[in-house]
Amino acid sequence: MTKFPASLYISINWRGRPLTDYQSVVNLIAATKTTTGLMVKARLDKKTYQRGIKVPPEELENLRIRPHKFHGEWNYTFRP
């Protein structure tokens, strides 16, 4: 296990590169690898999604979402 979070490696990969458009961001994300060699796939999704859709509480419970300690409202893991 690495001592650095994956986001740090993404930041290192982006160092010194201007993020001038969406494709630049997608390309940099796609060029990121973890220390164990896992590759990241990325593509820009231009689809417009309907806003305000609510997931029923019982459906959310079945997803087994596990919030992270740091900003659990943004960072979470889905368990099988």
PDB file of N, CA and C in Angstrom:
ATOM      1  N   MET A   1       0.846  -1.191   0.000  1.00  0.00           N
ATOM      2  CA  MET A   1       0.000   0.000   0.000  1.00  0.00           C
ATOM      3  C   MET A   1       0.884   1.245   0.000  1.00  0.00           C
ATOM      4  N   THR A   2       0.499   2.212  -0.770  1.00  0.00           N
ATOM      5  CA  THR A   2       1.263   3.449  -0.865  1.00  0.00           C
ATOM      6  C   THR A   2       0.986   4.351   0.331  1.00  0.00           C
ATOM      7  N   LYS A   3       1.949   5.189   0.663  1.00  0.00           N
ATOM      8  CA  LYS A   3       1.739   6.116   1.770  1.00  0.00           C
ATOM      9  C   LYS A   3       1.091   7.419   1.310  1.00  0.00           C
ATOM     10  N   PHE A   4       0.933   7.584   0.011  1.00  0.00           N
ATOM     11  CA  PHE A   4       0.330   8.793  -0.527  1.00  0.00           C
ATOM     12  C   PHE A   4      -1.027   8.484  -1.140  1.00  0.00           C
ATOM     13  N   PRO A   5      -1.997   9.395  -1.002  1.00  0.00           N
ATOM     14  CA  PRO A   5      -3.312   9.170  -1.625  1.00  0.00           C
ATOM     15  C   PRO A   5      -3.225   9.286  -3.149  1.00  0.00           C
ATOM     16  N   ALA A   6      -4.144   8.604  -3.832  1.00  0.00           N
ATOM     17  CA  ALA A   6      -4.163   8.628  -5.301  1.00  0.00           C
ATOM     18  C   ALA A   6      -4.268  10.047  -5.835  1.00  0.00           C
ATOM     19  N   SER A   7      -4.989  10.919  -5.120  1.00  0.00           N
ATOM     20  CA  SER A   7      -5.147  12.300  -5.589  1.00  0.00           C
ATOM     21  C   SER A   7      -3.808  13.023  -5.676  1.00  0.00           C
ATOM     22  N   LEU A   8      -2.850  12.642  -4.828  1.00  0.00           N
ATOM     23  CA  LEU A   8      -1.534  13.265  -4.890  1.00  0.00           C
ATOM     24  C   LEU A   8      -0.839  12.911  -6.198  1.00  0.00           C
ATOM     25  N   TYR A   9      -0.942  11.649  -6.621  1.00  0.00           N
ATOM     26  CA  TYR A   9      -0.313  11.241  -7.872  1.00  0.00           C
ATOM     27  C   TYR A   9      -0.961  11.938  -9.060  1.00  0.00           C
ATOM     28  N   ILE A  10      -2.268  12.146  -8.999  1.00  0.00           N
ATOM     29  CA  ILE A  10      -2.937  12.904 -10.054  1.00  0.00           C
ATOM     30  C   ILE A  10      -2.390  14.328 -10.074  1.00  0.00           C
ATOM     31  N   SER A  11      -2.238  14.938  -8.889  1.00  0.00           N
ATOM     32  CA  SER A  11      -1.711  16.298  -8.804  1.00  0.00           C
ATOM     33  C   SER A  11      -0.293  16.376  -9.351  1.00  0.00           C
ATOM     34  N   ILE A  12       0.541  15.370  -9.031  1.00  0.00           N
ATOM     35  CA  ILE A  12       1.907  15.347  -9.543  1.00  0.00           C
ATOM     36  C   ILE A  12       1.887  15.237 -11.064  1.00  0.00           C
ATOM     37  N   ASN A  13       1.012  14.416 -11.590  1.00  0.00           N
ATOM     38  CA  ASN A  13       0.896  14.245 -13.035  1.00  0.00           C
ATOM     39  C   ASN A  13       0.495  15.558 -13.717  1.00  0.00           C
ATOM     40  N   TRP A  14      -0.322  16.356 -13.057  1.00  0.00           N
ATOM     41  CA  TRP A  14      -0.821  17.608 -13.638  1.00  0.00           C
ATOM     42  C   TRP A  14       0.141  18.778 -13.447  1.00  0.00           C
ATOM     43  N   ARG A  15       1.156  18.618 -12.640  1.00  0.00           N
ATOM     44  CA  ARG A  15       2.028  19.730 -12.276  1.00  0.00           C
ATOM     45  C   ARG A  15       2.563  20.442 -13.518  1.00  0.00           C
ATOM     46  N   GLY A  16       2.379  21.737 -13.562  1.00  0.00           N
ATOM     47  CA  GLY A  16       2.923  22.543 -14.641  1.00  0.00           C
ATOM     48  C   GLY A  16       2.148  22.490 -15.943  1.00  0.00           C
ATOM     49  N   ARG A  17       0.996  21.840 -15.940  1.00  0.00           N
ATOM     50  CA  ARG A  17       0.207  21.753 -17.174  1.00  0.00           C
ATOM     51  C   ARG A  17      -1.063  22.590 -17.015  1.00  0.00           C
ATOM     52  N   PRO A  18      -1.290  23.516 -17.920  1.00  0.00           N
ATOM     53  CA  PRO A  18      -2.497  24.338 -17.799  1.00  0.00           C
ATOM     54  C   PRO A  18      -3.754  23.529 -18.131  1.00  0.00           C
ATOM     55  N   LEU A  19      -4.764  23.682 -17.317  1.00  0.00           N
ATOM     56  CA  LEU A  19      -6.051  23.017 -17.557  1.00  0.00           C
ATOM     57  C   LEU A  19      -6.941  24.006 -18.293  1.00  0.00           C
ATOM     58  N   THR A  20      -6.744  24.074 -19.602  1.00  0.00           N
ATOM     59  CA  THR A  20      -7.407  25.100 -20.403  1.00  0.00           C
ATOM     60  C   THR A  20      -8.768  24.685 -20.936  1.00  0.00           C
ATOM     61  N   ASP A  21      -9.042  23.378 -20.968  1.00  0.00           N
ATOM     62  CA  ASP A  21     -10.334  22.922 -21.467  1.00  0.00           C
ATOM     63  C   ASP A  21     -10.642  21.538 -20.887  1.00  0.00           C
ATOM     64  N   TYR A  22     -11.853  21.068 -21.105  1.00  0.00           N
ATOM     65  CA  TYR A  22     -12.270  19.771 -20.569  1.00  0.00           C
ATOM     66  C   TYR A  22     -11.392  18.634 -21.086  1.00  0.00           C
ATOM     67  N   GLN A  23     -11.039  18.673 -22.359  1.00  0.00           N
ATOM     68  CA  GLN A  23     -10.254  17.575 -22.928  1.00  0.00           C
ATOM     69  C   GLN A  23      -8.877  17.484 -22.280  1.00  0.00           C
ATOM     70  N   SER A  24      -8.281  18.614 -21.910  1.00  0.00           N
ATOM     71  CA  SER A  24      -6.996  18.590 -21.202  1.00  0.00           C
ATOM     72  C   SER A  24      -7.129  17.857 -19.877  1.00  0.00           C
ATOM     73  N   VAL A  25      -8.198  18.130 -19.157  1.00  0.00           N
ATOM     74  CA  VAL A  25      -8.437  17.468 -17.872  1.00  0.00           C
ATOM     75  C   VAL A  25      -8.643  15.974 -18.080  1.00  0.00           C
ATOM     76  N   VAL A  26      -9.475  15.603 -19.045  1.00  0.00           N
ATOM     77  CA  VAL A  26      -9.739  14.186 -19.326  1.00  0.00           C
ATOM     78  C   VAL A  26      -8.440  13.476 -19.704  1.00  0.00           C
ATOM     79  N   ASN A  27      -7.629  14.086 -20.545  1.00  0.00           N
ATOM     80  CA  ASN A  27      -6.362  13.474 -20.965  1.00  0.00           C
ATOM     81  C   ASN A  27      -5.413  13.272 -19.789  1.00  0.00           C
ATOM     82  N   LEU A  28      -5.340  14.246 -18.899  1.00  0.00           N
ATOM     83  CA  LEU A  28      -4.455  14.118 -17.748  1.00  0.00           C
ATOM     84  C   LEU A  28      -4.951  13.057 -16.770  1.00  0.00           C
ATOM     85  N   ILE A  29      -6.256  12.977 -16.568  1.00  0.00           N
ATOM     86  CA  ILE A  29      -6.803  11.924 -15.710  1.00  0.00           C
ATOM     87  C   ILE A  29      -6.497  10.563 -16.323  1.00  0.00           C
ATOM     88  N   ALA A  30      -6.695  10.437 -17.623  1.00  0.00           N
ATOM     89  CA  ALA A  30      -6.469   9.164 -18.312  1.00  0.00           C
ATOM     90  C   ALA A  30      -4.997   8.757 -18.295  1.00  0.00           C
ATOM     91  N   ALA A  31      -4.090   9.702 -18.165  1.00  0.00           N
ATOM     92  CA  ALA A  31      -2.656   9.395 -18.146  1.00  0.00           C
ATOM     93  C   ALA A  31      -2.158   9.018 -16.757  1.00  0.00           C
ATOM     94  N   THR A  32      -3.030   9.025 -15.767  1.00  0.00           N
ATOM     95  CA  THR A  32      -2.647   8.738 -14.388  1.00  0.00           C
ATOM     96  C   THR A  32      -2.589   7.240 -14.141  1.00  0.00           C
ATOM     97  N   LYS A  33      -1.552   6.798 -13.426  1.00  0.00           N
ATOM     98  CA  LYS A  33      -1.421   5.401 -13.005  1.00  0.00           C
ATOM     99  C   LYS A  33      -1.160   5.380 -11.506  1.00  0.00           C
ATOM    100  N   THR A  34      -1.620   4.332 -10.834  1.00  0.00           N
ATOM    101  CA  THR A  34      -1.315   4.184  -9.415  1.00  0.00           C
ATOM    102  C   THR A  34       0.072   3.569  -9.280  1.00  0.00           C
ATOM    103  N   THR A  35       0.593   3.546  -8.062  1.00  0.00           N
ATOM    104  CA  THR A  35       1.916   2.960  -7.844  1.00  0.00           C
ATOM    105  C   THR A  35       1.914   1.462  -8.089  1.00  0.00           C
ATOM    106  N   THR A  36       0.747   0.826  -8.037  1.00  0.00           N
ATOM    107  CA  THR A  36       0.670  -0.610  -8.306  1.00  0.00           C
ATOM    108  C   THR A  36       0.437  -0.889  -9.781  1.00  0.00           C
ATOM    109  N   GLY A  37       0.348   0.167 -10.593  1.00  0.00           N
ATOM    110  CA  GLY A  37       0.226  -0.009 -12.032  1.00  0.00           C
ATOM    111  C   GLY A  37      -1.188   0.017 -12.574  1.00  0.00           C
ATOM    112  N   LEU A  38      -2.172   0.272 -11.712  1.00  0.00           N
ATOM    113  CA  LEU A  38      -3.545   0.356 -12.206  1.00  0.00           C
ATOM    114  C   LEU A  38      -3.679   1.582 -13.094  1.00  0.00           C
ATOM    115  N   MET A  39      -4.375   1.430 -14.194  1.00  0.00           N
ATOM    116  CA  MET A  39      -4.567   2.524 -15.135  1.00  0.00           C
ATOM    117  C   MET A  39      -5.956   3.126 -14.936  1.00  0.00           C
ATOM    118  N   VAL A  40      -6.083   4.386 -15.260  1.00  0.00           N
ATOM    119  CA  VAL A  40      -7.345   5.102 -15.141  1.00  0.00           C
ATOM    120  C   VAL A  40      -7.898   5.324 -16.540  1.00  0.00           C
ATOM    121  N   LYS A  41      -9.187   5.081 -16.709  1.00  0.00           N
ATOM    122  CA  LYS A  41      -9.847   5.394 -17.979  1.00  0.00           C
ATOM    123  C   LYS A  41     -10.727   6.613 -17.749  1.00  0.00           C
ATOM    124  N   ALA A  42     -10.745   7.513 -18.708  1.00  0.00           N
ATOM    125  CA  ALA A  42     -11.545   8.726 -18.564  1.00  0.00           C
ATOM    126  C   ALA A  42     -12.092   9.137 -19.921  1.00  0.00           C
ATOM    127  N   ARG A  43     -13.291   9.682 -19.903  1.00  0.00           N
ATOM    128  CA  ARG A  43     -13.870  10.266 -21.112  1.00  0.00           C
ATOM    129  C   ARG A  43     -14.855  11.335 -20.677  1.00  0.00           C
ATOM    130  N   LEU A  44     -15.030  12.314 -21.515  1.00  0.00           N
ATOM    131  CA  LEU A  44     -15.927  13.423 -21.216  1.00  0.00           C
ATOM    132  C   LEU A  44     -17.355  13.017 -21.529  1.00  0.00           C
ATOM    133  N   ASP A  45     -18.224  13.174 -20.569  1.00  0.00           N
ATOM    134  CA  ASP A  45     -19.643  12.866 -20.729  1.00  0.00           C
ATOM    135  C   ASP A  45     -20.377  14.188 -20.916  1.00  0.00           C
ATOM    136  N   LYS A  46     -20.872  14.447 -22.114  1.00  0.00           N
ATOM    137  CA  LYS A  46     -21.559  15.706 -22.410  1.00  0.00           C
ATOM    138  C   LYS A  46     -23.074  15.596 -22.283  1.00  0.00           C
ATOM    139  N   LYS A  47     -23.547  14.448 -21.809  1.00  0.00           N
ATOM    140  CA  LYS A  47     -24.984  14.247 -21.673  1.00  0.00           C
ATOM    141  C   LYS A  47     -25.548  15.200 -20.614  1.00  0.00           C
ATOM    142  N   THR A  48     -26.740  15.708 -20.854  1.00  0.00           N
ATOM    143  CA  THR A  48     -27.437  16.537 -19.884  1.00  0.00           C
ATOM    144  C   THR A  48     -28.340  15.636 -19.051  1.00  0.00           C
ATOM    145  N   TYR A  49     -28.178  15.708 -17.745  1.00  0.00           N
ATOM    146  CA  TYR A  49     -28.943  14.855 -16.841  1.00  0.00           C
ATOM    147  C   TYR A  49     -30.035  15.660 -16.146  1.00  0.00           C
ATOM    148  N   GLN A  50     -31.142  14.996 -15.901  1.00  0.00           N
ATOM    149  CA  GLN A  50     -32.246  15.623 -15.187  1.00  0.00           C
ATOM    150  C   GLN A  50     -31.812  15.892 -13.751  1.00  0.00           C
ATOM    151  N   ARG A  51     -32.157  17.054 -13.241  1.00  0.00           N
ATOM    152  CA  ARG A  51     -31.791  17.435 -11.881  1.00  0.00           C
ATOM    153  C   ARG A  51     -32.931  17.146 -10.922  1.00  0.00           C
ATOM    154  N   GLY A  52     -32.578  16.989  -9.654  1.00  0.00           N
ATOM    155  CA  GLY A  52     -33.577  16.871  -8.606  1.00  0.00           C
ATOM    156  C   GLY A  52     -34.167  15.491  -8.417  1.00  0.00           C
ATOM    157  N   ILE A  53     -33.593  14.473  -9.046  1.00  0.00           N
ATOM    158  CA  ILE A  53     -34.112  13.117  -8.881  1.00  0.00           C
ATOM    159  C   ILE A  53     -33.715  12.609  -7.497  1.00  0.00           C
ATOM    160  N   LYS A  54     -34.672  12.117  -6.742  1.00  0.00           N
ATOM    161  CA  LYS A  54     -34.428  11.606  -5.391  1.00  0.00           C
ATOM    162  C   LYS A  54     -34.450  10.083  -5.402  1.00  0.00           C
ATOM    163  N   VAL A  55     -33.453   9.492  -4.774  1.00  0.00           N
ATOM    164  CA  VAL A  55     -33.389   8.038  -4.640  1.00  0.00           C
ATOM    165  C   VAL A  55     -34.116   7.667  -3.354  1.00  0.00           C
ATOM    166  N   PRO A  56     -35.048   6.701  -3.411  1.00  0.00           N
ATOM    167  CA  PRO A  56     -35.763   6.293  -2.195  1.00  0.00           C
ATOM    168  C   PRO A  56     -34.789   5.785  -1.129  1.00  0.00           C
ATOM    169  N   PRO A  57     -35.045   6.081   0.156  1.00  0.00           N
ATOM    170  CA  PRO A  57     -34.131   5.686   1.242  1.00  0.00           C
ATOM    171  C   PRO A  57     -33.808   4.190   1.257  1.00  0.00           C
ATOM    172  N   GLU A  58     -34.798   3.331   0.983  1.00  0.00           N
ATOM    173  CA  GLU A  58     -34.533   1.886   1.003  1.00  0.00           C
ATOM    174  C   GLU A  58     -33.572   1.475  -0.117  1.00  0.00           C
ATOM    175  N   GLU A  59     -33.617   2.186  -1.234  1.00  0.00           N
ATOM    176  CA  GLU A  59     -32.686   1.895  -2.328  1.00  0.00           C
ATOM    177  C   GLU A  59     -31.269   2.341  -1.956  1.00  0.00           C
ATOM    178  N   LEU A  60     -31.159   3.484  -1.276  1.00  0.00           N
ATOM    179  CA  LEU A  60     -29.851   3.957  -0.815  1.00  0.00           C
ATOM    180  C   LEU A  60     -29.231   2.984   0.179  1.00  0.00           C
ATOM    181  N   GLU A  61     -30.047   2.430   1.074  1.00  0.00           N
ATOM    182  CA  GLU A  61     -29.545   1.470   2.061  1.00  0.00           C
ATOM    183  C   GLU A  61     -28.971   0.237   1.379  1.00  0.00           C
ATOM    184  N   ASN A  62     -29.581  -0.196   0.285  1.00  0.00           N
ATOM    185  CA  ASN A  62     -29.115  -1.379  -0.438  1.00  0.00           C
ATOM    186  C   ASN A  62     -27.798  -1.144  -1.173  1.00  0.00           C
ATOM    187  N   LEU A  63     -27.420   0.115  -1.387  1.00  0.00           N
ATOM    188  CA  LEU A  63     -26.181   0.419  -2.097  1.00  0.00           C
ATOM    189  C   LEU A  63     -24.937   0.197  -1.243  1.00  0.00           C
ATOM    190  N   ARG A  64     -25.092   0.166   0.062  1.00  0.00           N
ATOM    191  CA  ARG A  64     -23.971  -0.031   0.988  1.00  0.00           C
ATOM    192  C   ARG A  64     -22.863   0.994   0.737  1.00  0.00           C
ATOM    193  N   ILE A  65     -23.226   2.254   0.821  1.00  0.00           N
ATOM    194  CA  ILE A  65     -22.273   3.345   0.638  1.00  0.00           C
ATOM    195  C   ILE A  65     -21.540   3.562   1.956  1.00  0.00           C
ATOM    196  N   ARG A  66     -20.218   3.619   1.877  1.00  0.00           N
ATOM    197  CA  ARG A  66     -19.405   3.830   3.078  1.00  0.00           C
ATOM    198  C   ARG A  66     -18.668   5.163   2.935  1.00  0.00           C
ATOM    199  N   PRO A  67     -19.081   6.193   3.688  1.00  0.00           N
ATOM    200  CA  PRO A  67     -18.410   7.492   3.575  1.00  0.00           C
ATOM    201  C   PRO A  67     -16.996   7.436   4.152  1.00  0.00           C
ATOM    202  N   HIS A  68     -16.087   8.179   3.566  1.00  0.00           N
ATOM    203  CA  HIS A  68     -14.721   8.274   4.074  1.00  0.00           C
ATOM    204  C   HIS A  68     -14.692   9.232   5.256  1.00  0.00           C
ATOM    205  N   LYS A  69     -13.648   9.144   6.055  1.00  0.00           N
ATOM    206  CA  LYS A  69     -13.520  10.024   7.227  1.00  0.00           C
ATOM    207  C   LYS A  69     -13.376  11.484   6.806  1.00  0.00           C
ATOM    208  N   PHE A  70     -12.624  11.719   5.736  1.00  0.00           N
ATOM    209  CA  PHE A  70     -12.404  13.082   5.262  1.00  0.00           C
ATOM    210  C   PHE A  70     -13.448  13.416   4.210  1.00  0.00           C
ATOM    211  N   HIS A  71     -14.304  14.364   4.505  1.00  0.00           N
ATOM    212  CA  HIS A  71     -15.365  14.815   3.598  1.00  0.00           C
ATOM    213  C   HIS A  71     -16.184  13.648   3.051  1.00  0.00           C
ATOM    214  N   GLY A  72     -16.784  12.896   3.946  1.00  0.00           N
ATOM    215  CA  GLY A  72     -17.608  11.754   3.569  1.00  0.00           C
ATOM    216  C   GLY A  72     -18.777  12.098   2.664  1.00  0.00           C
ATOM    217  N   GLU A  73     -19.181  13.369   2.645  1.00  0.00           N
ATOM    218  CA  GLU A  73     -20.269  13.780   1.751  1.00  0.00           C
ATOM    219  C   GLU A  73     -19.807  13.801   0.290  1.00  0.00           C
ATOM    220  N   TRP A  74     -18.493  13.878   0.078  1.00  0.00           N
ATOM    221  CA  TRP A  74     -17.938  13.876  -1.278  1.00  0.00           C
ATOM    222  C   TRP A  74     -17.189  12.583  -1.593  1.00  0.00           C
ATOM    223  N   ASN A  75     -16.535  12.016  -0.588  1.00  0.00           N
ATOM    224  CA  ASN A  75     -15.670  10.852  -0.786  1.00  0.00           C
ATOM    225  C   ASN A  75     -16.294   9.630  -0.133  1.00  0.00           C
ATOM    226  N   TYR A  76     -16.523   8.606  -0.919  1.00  0.00           N
ATOM    227  CA  TYR A  76     -17.176   7.411  -0.390  1.00  0.00           C
ATOM    228  C   TYR A  76     -16.806   6.202  -1.232  1.00  0.00           C
ATOM    229  N   THR A  77     -17.081   5.025  -0.682  1.00  0.00           N
ATOM    230  CA  THR A  77     -16.808   3.761  -1.356  1.00  0.00           C
ATOM    231  C   THR A  77     -18.090   2.954  -1.388  1.00  0.00           C
ATOM    232  N   PHE A  78     -18.357   2.310  -2.525  1.00  0.00           N
ATOM    233  CA  PHE A  78     -19.475   1.378  -2.636  1.00  0.00           C
ATOM    234  C   PHE A  78     -18.946  -0.007  -2.316  1.00  0.00           C
ATOM    235  N   ARG A  79     -19.618  -0.712  -1.432  1.00  0.00           N
ATOM    236  CA  ARG A  79     -19.235  -2.081  -1.080  1.00  0.00           C
ATOM    237  C   ARG A  79     -20.143  -3.062  -1.805  1.00  0.00           C
ATOM    238  N   PRO A  80     -19.587  -4.211  -2.250  1.00  0.00           N
ATOM    239  CA  PRO A  80     -20.432  -5.226  -2.929  1.00  0.00           C
ATOM    240  C   PRO A  80     -21.422  -5.875  -1.969  1.00  0.00           C
TER     241      PRO A  80
END
